[in-house]
N, C-alpha and C. Protein backbone atom coordinates (compact mmCIF):
# COMPACT_ATOMS: atom_id res chain seq x y z
N UNK A 1 0.84 -1.19 0.00
CA UNK A 1 0.00 0.00 0.00
C UNK A 1 0.88 1.25 0.00
N UNK A 2 0.54 2.21 -0.82
CA UNK A 2 1.29 3.45 -0.89
C UNK A 2 0.85 4.38 0.23
N UNK A 3 1.81 4.89 0.96
CA UNK A 3 1.49 5.79 2.06
C UNK A 3 1.95 7.21 1.81
N UNK A 4 2.74 7.40 0.75
CA UNK A 4 3.32 8.73 0.53
C UNK A 4 2.33 9.70 -0.10
N UNK A 5 1.22 9.20 -0.64
CA UNK A 5 0.23 10.07 -1.23
C UNK A 5 0.53 10.48 -2.65
N UNK A 6 1.64 10.02 -3.22
CA UNK A 6 1.95 10.36 -4.60
C UNK A 6 1.38 9.30 -5.53
N UNK A 7 1.11 9.70 -6.72
CA UNK A 7 0.58 8.79 -7.73
C UNK A 7 1.74 8.24 -8.54
N UNK A 8 1.82 6.93 -8.63
CA UNK A 8 2.90 6.29 -9.37
C UNK A 8 2.38 5.80 -10.71
N UNK A 9 3.19 5.97 -11.75
CA UNK A 9 2.81 5.52 -13.09
C UNK A 9 3.38 4.15 -13.36
N UNK A 10 2.65 3.39 -14.13
CA UNK A 10 3.13 2.07 -14.54
C UNK A 10 4.30 2.25 -15.50
N UNK A 11 5.22 1.28 -15.52
CA UNK A 11 6.31 1.36 -16.50
C UNK A 11 5.75 1.43 -17.92
N UNK A 12 6.50 2.04 -18.81
CA UNK A 12 6.03 2.27 -20.19
C UNK A 12 5.57 1.00 -20.88
N UNK A 13 6.26 -0.11 -20.63
CA UNK A 13 5.87 -1.35 -21.32
C UNK A 13 4.53 -1.89 -20.87
N UNK A 14 4.01 -1.40 -19.74
CA UNK A 14 2.72 -1.87 -19.23
C UNK A 14 1.58 -0.91 -19.54
N UNK A 15 1.89 0.24 -20.17
CA UNK A 15 0.84 1.21 -20.49
C UNK A 15 0.23 0.89 -21.85
N UNK A 16 -1.09 0.87 -21.89
CA UNK A 16 -1.80 0.62 -23.15
C UNK A 16 -2.86 1.70 -23.32
N UNK A 17 -3.29 1.95 -24.57
CA UNK A 17 -4.37 2.91 -24.76
C UNK A 17 -5.64 2.42 -24.07
N UNK A 18 -6.54 3.31 -23.74
CA UNK A 18 -7.78 2.88 -23.09
C UNK A 18 -8.52 1.85 -23.94
N UNK A 19 -8.90 0.77 -23.33
CA UNK A 19 -9.66 -0.27 -24.02
C UNK A 19 -11.14 -0.09 -23.70
N UNK A 20 -11.98 -0.38 -24.68
CA UNK A 20 -13.43 -0.26 -24.50
C UNK A 20 -14.01 -1.62 -24.14
N UNK A 21 -15.14 -1.58 -23.48
CA UNK A 21 -15.77 -2.82 -23.02
C UNK A 21 -16.06 -3.80 -24.15
N UNK A 22 -16.31 -3.32 -25.35
CA UNK A 22 -16.63 -4.20 -26.47
C UNK A 22 -15.43 -4.75 -27.22
N UNK A 23 -14.22 -4.29 -26.88
CA UNK A 23 -13.02 -4.80 -27.56
C UNK A 23 -12.86 -6.28 -27.25
N UNK A 24 -12.62 -7.06 -28.31
CA UNK A 24 -12.50 -8.52 -28.15
C UNK A 24 -11.08 -8.90 -27.80
N UNK A 25 -10.95 -9.82 -26.84
CA UNK A 25 -9.64 -10.24 -26.36
C UNK A 25 -9.55 -11.76 -26.28
N UNK A 26 -8.32 -12.25 -26.20
CA UNK A 26 -8.08 -13.69 -26.02
C UNK A 26 -6.95 -13.84 -25.00
N UNK A 27 -7.23 -14.60 -23.94
CA UNK A 27 -6.25 -14.85 -22.89
C UNK A 27 -5.58 -16.20 -23.09
N UNK A 28 -4.32 -16.28 -22.69
CA UNK A 28 -3.58 -17.53 -22.71
C UNK A 28 -3.68 -18.20 -21.35
N UNK A 29 -2.92 -19.29 -21.17
CA UNK A 29 -2.96 -19.99 -19.88
C UNK A 29 -2.40 -19.12 -18.75
N UNK A 30 -2.81 -19.40 -17.56
CA UNK A 30 -2.38 -18.64 -16.38
C UNK A 30 -0.94 -19.01 -16.02
N UNK A 31 -0.03 -18.04 -16.21
CA UNK A 31 1.39 -18.25 -15.89
C UNK A 31 1.82 -17.45 -14.67
N UNK A 32 0.85 -16.94 -13.93
CA UNK A 32 1.16 -16.14 -12.75
C UNK A 32 1.48 -17.07 -11.58
N UNK A 33 2.08 -16.52 -10.55
CA UNK A 33 2.51 -17.31 -9.40
C UNK A 33 1.30 -17.91 -8.68
N UNK A 34 1.19 -19.24 -8.62
CA UNK A 34 0.05 -19.88 -7.94
C UNK A 34 -0.09 -19.38 -6.50
N UNK A 35 -1.33 -19.09 -6.13
CA UNK A 35 -1.61 -18.61 -4.78
C UNK A 35 -1.60 -17.10 -4.66
N UNK A 36 -1.01 -16.39 -5.64
CA UNK A 36 -0.96 -14.93 -5.56
C UNK A 36 -2.32 -14.33 -5.89
N UNK A 37 -2.54 -13.09 -5.50
CA UNK A 37 -3.79 -12.41 -5.82
C UNK A 37 -3.96 -12.28 -7.34
N UNK A 38 -2.86 -12.02 -8.05
CA UNK A 38 -2.92 -11.89 -9.51
C UNK A 38 -3.35 -13.22 -10.13
N UNK A 39 -2.84 -14.33 -9.61
CA UNK A 39 -3.21 -15.66 -10.10
C UNK A 39 -4.71 -15.89 -9.90
N UNK A 40 -5.20 -15.56 -8.72
CA UNK A 40 -6.62 -15.77 -8.41
C UNK A 40 -7.51 -14.90 -9.31
N UNK A 41 -7.12 -13.63 -9.51
CA UNK A 41 -7.88 -12.74 -10.41
C UNK A 41 -7.88 -13.29 -11.82
N UNK A 42 -6.70 -13.70 -12.31
CA UNK A 42 -6.57 -14.20 -13.68
C UNK A 42 -7.47 -15.42 -13.88
N UNK A 43 -7.55 -16.29 -12.90
CA UNK A 43 -8.42 -17.47 -12.99
C UNK A 43 -9.88 -17.06 -13.20
N UNK A 44 -10.27 -15.94 -12.61
CA UNK A 44 -11.66 -15.47 -12.75
C UNK A 44 -11.93 -14.85 -14.11
N UNK A 45 -10.95 -14.14 -14.69
CA UNK A 45 -11.24 -13.43 -15.94
C UNK A 45 -10.62 -14.03 -17.20
N UNK A 46 -9.87 -15.11 -17.11
CA UNK A 46 -9.15 -15.63 -18.28
C UNK A 46 -10.06 -16.18 -19.37
N UNK A 47 -11.31 -16.46 -19.07
CA UNK A 47 -12.23 -16.98 -20.08
C UNK A 47 -13.02 -15.87 -20.78
N UNK A 48 -12.79 -14.63 -20.39
CA UNK A 48 -13.51 -13.49 -20.97
C UNK A 48 -13.19 -13.34 -22.45
N UNK A 49 -14.21 -12.99 -23.22
CA UNK A 49 -14.03 -12.76 -24.66
C UNK A 49 -13.96 -11.27 -24.99
N UNK A 50 -14.36 -10.42 -24.06
CA UNK A 50 -14.31 -8.97 -24.27
C UNK A 50 -13.70 -8.31 -23.04
N UNK A 51 -13.27 -7.07 -23.22
CA UNK A 51 -12.72 -6.29 -22.11
C UNK A 51 -13.79 -6.11 -21.02
N UNK A 52 -15.03 -5.86 -21.43
CA UNK A 52 -16.11 -5.69 -20.47
C UNK A 52 -16.33 -6.94 -19.62
N UNK A 53 -16.28 -8.11 -20.24
CA UNK A 53 -16.43 -9.36 -19.50
C UNK A 53 -15.27 -9.54 -18.52
N UNK A 54 -14.06 -9.21 -18.95
CA UNK A 54 -12.90 -9.34 -18.08
C UNK A 54 -13.03 -8.40 -16.88
N UNK A 55 -13.45 -7.16 -17.13
CA UNK A 55 -13.63 -6.21 -16.02
C UNK A 55 -14.69 -6.69 -15.04
N UNK A 56 -15.81 -7.18 -15.57
CA UNK A 56 -16.88 -7.62 -14.67
C UNK A 56 -16.49 -8.90 -13.93
N UNK A 57 -15.47 -9.61 -14.43
CA UNK A 57 -15.00 -10.82 -13.76
C UNK A 57 -13.84 -10.55 -12.80
N UNK A 58 -13.44 -9.29 -12.69
CA UNK A 58 -12.44 -8.93 -11.69
C UNK A 58 -11.12 -8.40 -12.21
N UNK A 59 -10.95 -8.26 -13.52
CA UNK A 59 -9.69 -7.71 -14.05
C UNK A 59 -9.56 -6.25 -13.67
N UNK A 60 -8.41 -5.88 -13.14
CA UNK A 60 -8.12 -4.50 -12.78
C UNK A 60 -7.51 -3.80 -13.99
N UNK A 61 -7.54 -2.49 -14.00
CA UNK A 61 -6.98 -1.72 -15.12
C UNK A 61 -5.52 -2.07 -15.38
N UNK A 62 -4.74 -2.24 -14.31
CA UNK A 62 -3.32 -2.55 -14.49
C UNK A 62 -3.12 -3.95 -15.08
N UNK A 63 -4.08 -4.84 -14.90
CA UNK A 63 -3.95 -6.19 -15.44
C UNK A 63 -3.85 -6.19 -16.96
N UNK A 64 -4.59 -5.31 -17.63
CA UNK A 64 -4.58 -5.29 -19.09
C UNK A 64 -3.19 -4.97 -19.64
N UNK A 65 -2.57 -3.92 -19.13
CA UNK A 65 -1.23 -3.55 -19.59
C UNK A 65 -0.21 -4.63 -19.28
N UNK A 66 -0.26 -5.15 -18.07
CA UNK A 66 0.69 -6.20 -17.67
C UNK A 66 0.50 -7.46 -18.52
N UNK A 67 -0.74 -7.88 -18.69
CA UNK A 67 -1.01 -9.11 -19.44
C UNK A 67 -0.63 -8.99 -20.92
N UNK A 68 -0.83 -7.80 -21.51
CA UNK A 68 -0.42 -7.59 -22.90
C UNK A 68 1.11 -7.62 -22.99
N UNK A 69 1.78 -6.91 -22.08
CA UNK A 69 3.25 -6.84 -22.11
C UNK A 69 3.89 -8.21 -21.91
N UNK A 70 3.29 -9.03 -21.09
CA UNK A 70 3.85 -10.36 -20.79
C UNK A 70 3.38 -11.45 -21.75
N UNK A 71 2.49 -11.10 -22.68
CA UNK A 71 2.04 -12.06 -23.68
C UNK A 71 0.90 -12.96 -23.22
N UNK A 72 0.26 -12.62 -22.10
CA UNK A 72 -0.87 -13.41 -21.60
C UNK A 72 -2.17 -13.04 -22.31
N UNK A 73 -2.22 -11.85 -22.89
CA UNK A 73 -3.45 -11.31 -23.48
C UNK A 73 -3.17 -10.78 -24.87
N UNK A 74 -4.08 -11.10 -25.79
CA UNK A 74 -4.03 -10.53 -27.14
C UNK A 74 -5.35 -9.82 -27.40
N UNK A 75 -5.28 -8.61 -27.94
CA UNK A 75 -6.48 -7.90 -28.36
C UNK A 75 -6.73 -8.35 -29.79
N UNK A 76 -7.89 -8.99 -30.03
CA UNK A 76 -8.15 -9.55 -31.36
C UNK A 76 -9.05 -8.67 -32.20
N UNK A 77 -9.79 -7.75 -31.57
CA UNK A 77 -10.62 -6.80 -32.32
C UNK A 77 -10.75 -5.54 -31.49
N UNK A 78 -10.32 -4.43 -32.07
CA UNK A 78 -10.29 -3.15 -31.38
C UNK A 78 -11.29 -2.21 -32.01
N UNK A 79 -12.15 -1.59 -31.20
CA UNK A 79 -13.12 -0.62 -31.69
C UNK A 79 -12.39 0.70 -31.92
N UNK A 80 -12.35 1.15 -33.18
CA UNK A 80 -11.64 2.38 -33.51
C UNK A 80 -12.58 3.52 -33.87
N UNK A 81 -13.88 3.35 -33.66
CA UNK A 81 -14.83 4.40 -33.99
C UNK A 81 -14.69 5.56 -33.00
N UNK A 82 -15.03 6.79 -33.43
CA UNK A 82 -14.96 7.93 -32.52
C UNK A 82 -15.89 7.72 -31.33
N UNK A 83 -15.54 8.29 -30.20
CA UNK A 83 -16.38 8.15 -29.02
C UNK A 83 -17.70 8.88 -29.16
N UNK A 84 -17.69 10.02 -29.85
CA UNK A 84 -18.92 10.78 -30.07
C UNK A 84 -19.50 10.45 -31.43
N UNK A 85 -20.75 10.82 -31.65
CA UNK A 85 -21.41 10.52 -32.91
C UNK A 85 -20.87 11.38 -34.05
N UNK A 86 -20.37 12.56 -33.73
CA UNK A 86 -19.91 13.46 -34.78
C UNK A 86 -18.70 14.22 -34.29
N UNK A 87 -17.73 14.42 -35.16
CA UNK A 87 -16.54 15.19 -34.84
C UNK A 87 -16.38 16.30 -35.86
N UNK A 88 -16.07 17.51 -35.39
CA UNK A 88 -15.84 18.64 -36.27
C UNK A 88 -14.43 19.15 -36.04
N UNK A 89 -13.69 19.32 -37.12
CA UNK A 89 -12.35 19.87 -37.03
C UNK A 89 -12.38 21.32 -37.47
N UNK A 90 -11.69 22.16 -36.74
CA UNK A 90 -11.63 23.57 -37.10
C UNK A 90 -10.27 23.84 -37.71
N UNK A 91 -10.28 24.57 -38.81
CA UNK A 91 -9.05 24.97 -39.47
C UNK A 91 -8.72 26.38 -39.01
N UNK A 92 -7.66 26.56 -38.23
CA UNK A 92 -7.34 27.90 -37.71
C UNK A 92 -6.94 28.87 -38.81
N UNK A 93 -6.65 28.38 -40.00
CA UNK A 93 -6.26 29.26 -41.10
C UNK A 93 -7.46 29.96 -41.72
N UNK A 94 -8.66 29.45 -41.50
CA UNK A 94 -9.86 30.07 -42.07
C UNK A 94 -10.39 31.17 -41.15
N UNK A 95 -10.87 32.22 -41.75
CA UNK A 95 -11.47 33.30 -40.94
C UNK A 95 -12.89 32.90 -40.56
N UNK A 96 -13.48 33.60 -39.60
CA UNK A 96 -14.83 33.27 -39.16
C UNK A 96 -15.84 33.53 -40.28
N UNK A 97 -15.61 34.55 -41.13
CA UNK A 97 -16.53 34.81 -42.23
C UNK A 97 -16.45 33.69 -43.27
N UNK A 98 -15.25 33.15 -43.48
CA UNK A 98 -15.09 32.06 -44.44
C UNK A 98 -15.79 30.81 -43.91
N UNK A 99 -15.71 30.56 -42.63
CA UNK A 99 -16.36 29.38 -42.06
C UNK A 99 -17.86 29.41 -42.26
N UNK A 100 -18.44 30.60 -42.19
CA UNK A 100 -19.89 30.70 -42.34
C UNK A 100 -20.34 30.51 -43.79
N UNK A 101 -19.54 30.92 -44.75
CA UNK A 101 -19.95 30.78 -46.14
C UNK A 101 -19.43 29.50 -46.80
N UNK A 102 -18.37 28.93 -46.27
CA UNK A 102 -17.74 27.78 -46.91
C UNK A 102 -17.82 26.53 -46.05
N UNK A 103 -18.80 26.43 -45.21
CA UNK A 103 -18.87 25.25 -44.34
C UNK A 103 -19.13 24.02 -45.19
N UNK A 104 -18.24 23.06 -45.05
CA UNK A 104 -18.40 21.83 -45.82
C UNK A 104 -18.04 20.64 -44.97
């Protein structure tokens, strides 16, 4: 348990982009130390087919980065759609009058 009150970042090899609940995953066999908390958690979520199923079965956020880095987890289908229904990009080179007449 951290007592210093500072937030520690995971090593770079364990950091992954945010995964969505619908992203499809495939887990390998449990190679974690038998009896450890990580081993027990992995046993609960290793049959999950999606990130959402793994989370609801007990996978912690840090587990995804660690499992990918160690080769225990493969992401087999990643949702790459925008989070919002519509995205608008603004071109700073256009003036406000041009934006109103040339909106495309």
